[in-house]
Protein backbone atom coordinates (compact mmCIF):
# COMPACT_ATOMS: atom_id res chain seq x y z
CA MET A 1 18.21 7.82 7.89
CA ALA A 2 15.30 6.12 9.59
CA SER A 3 15.73 4.49 12.94
CA SER A 4 15.19 0.78 13.39
CA ARG A 5 12.09 1.60 15.47
CA ALA A 6 10.59 3.64 12.60
CA ARG A 7 11.38 0.89 10.08
CA ALA A 8 9.76 -1.71 12.34
CA ARG A 9 6.68 0.47 12.85
CA ARG A 10 6.30 1.03 9.09
CA GLY A 11 6.81 -2.69 8.44
CA GLU A 12 4.03 -3.60 10.84
CA LEU A 13 1.79 -0.93 9.34
CA LEU A 14 2.41 -2.33 5.86
CA GLU A 15 1.52 -5.83 7.08
CA ALA A 16 -1.71 -4.46 8.59
CA ILE A 17 -2.56 -2.77 5.28
CA ARG A 18 -1.90 -6.05 3.45
CA ALA A 19 -4.16 -7.88 5.92
CA GLU A 20 -6.94 -5.29 5.61
CA PRO A 21 -6.69 -3.72 2.13
CA GLY A 22 -8.78 -0.74 1.25
CA ASP A 23 -8.62 2.99 1.90
CA TRP A 24 -6.12 3.89 4.61
CA THR A 25 -6.30 7.44 5.91
CA THR A 26 -4.07 9.08 8.48
CA GLY A 27 -6.82 8.61 11.08
CA ARG A 28 -7.08 4.90 10.37
CA ALA A 29 -3.30 4.55 10.62
CA VAL A 30 -3.27 6.42 13.96
CA ARG A 31 -5.97 4.12 15.36
CA TRP A 32 -4.09 1.04 14.20
CA GLN A 33 -0.74 2.28 15.56
CA LYS A 34 -2.25 3.09 18.96
CA ALA A 35 -3.99 -0.30 19.10
CA ALA A 36 -0.72 -2.03 18.17
CA GLY A 37 1.05 -0.29 21.03
CA TRP A 38 3.08 2.26 19.08
CA GLY A 39 1.25 5.24 20.58
CA CYS A 40 1.83 7.50 17.57
CA ASN A 41 0.33 10.87 16.71
CA ARG A 42 -1.11 12.08 13.39
CA SER A 43 2.14 13.52 12.08
CA THR A 44 3.98 10.22 12.65
CA ALA A 45 1.20 8.21 10.99
CA ARG A 46 1.11 10.66 8.06
CA ALA A 47 4.89 10.43 7.67
CA ASP A 48 4.77 6.61 7.78
CA LEU A 49 2.08 6.42 5.10
CA SER A 50 3.93 8.96 2.97
CA GLN A 51 7.21 7.04 3.30
CA LEU A 52 5.52 3.76 2.30
CA ALA A 53 4.09 5.55 -0.76
CA THR A 54 7.51 6.99 -1.60
CA GLU A 55 8.98 3.47 -1.42
CA GLY A 56 6.26 2.27 -3.80
CA TRP A 57 4.32 0.03 -1.40
CA LEU A 58 1.26 2.31 -1.35
CA ILE A 59 -0.49 4.55 -3.86
CA ALA A 60 -1.55 7.97 -2.58
CA SER A 61 -4.57 9.70 -4.04
CA GLY A 62 -6.62 12.76 -3.23
CA PRO A 63 -5.74 16.25 -2.04
CA ASP A 64 -3.23 16.88 0.74
CA ASN A 65 -5.96 17.48 3.33
CA ASP A 66 -7.94 14.34 2.41
CA ARG A 67 -5.26 11.89 1.25
CA VAL A 68 -6.11 8.19 0.92
CA TYR A 69 -3.52 5.44 0.61
CA ARG A 70 -4.10 2.08 -1.05
CA LEU A 71 -1.91 -0.97 -1.47
CA ASN A 72 0.14 -0.98 -4.68
CA TYR A 73 -0.68 -4.41 -6.13
CA ALA A 74 1.84 -3.91 -8.93
CA ARG A 75 4.55 -4.35 -6.28
CA ALA A 76 2.98 -7.44 -4.72
CA GLN A 77 6.06 -9.41 -3.66
CA TRP A 78 3.99 -11.74 -1.51
CA LEU A 79 2.39 -12.97 -4.75
CA GLY A 80 5.84 -13.96 -5.97
CA HIS A 81 6.32 -11.37 -8.69
CA HIS A 82 6.43 -7.65 -9.37
CA TRP A 83 3.92 -7.65 -12.22
CA HIS A 84 0.39 -8.75 -12.93
CA THR A 85 -0.32 -11.73 -15.11
CA PRO A 86 -2.77 -10.66 -17.80
CA ALA A 87 -6.04 -12.51 -17.87
CA ALA A 88 -6.42 -15.02 -20.67
CA ARG A 89 -8.67 -13.67 -23.42
CA ARG A 90 -10.01 -15.20 -26.53
CA SER A 91 -8.39 -13.87 -29.62
CA LYS A 92 -10.55 -11.55 -31.68
CA ARG A 93 -8.47 -12.31 -34.73
CA ARG A 94 -10.36 -14.07 -37.46
CA PRO A 95 -8.86 -17.07 -39.21
CA GLN A 96 -7.40 -16.27 -42.56
CA CYS A 97 -9.21 -17.58 -45.60
CA ARG A 98 -7.12 -19.48 -48.14
């Protein structure tokens, strides 16, 4: 079970990723965590990113030694829903002749 400190750290990291979406590597997470005052090392940052991906907040891609994490927009609660609204498209159906 995760400690309250670890949950708080991951919550702040997730908020930072939401504020600055894009590719998040372990190195970027370490720099952010140190700047935010957490003073974490690479293994802690890697574990935090991995846990957020396991929980479905992030999507991991790439090999183990060059993993990149991106925000999972399908689970965008701050948008008010857990799904994407499809874009309106004109129907390609032709009117029926009578």
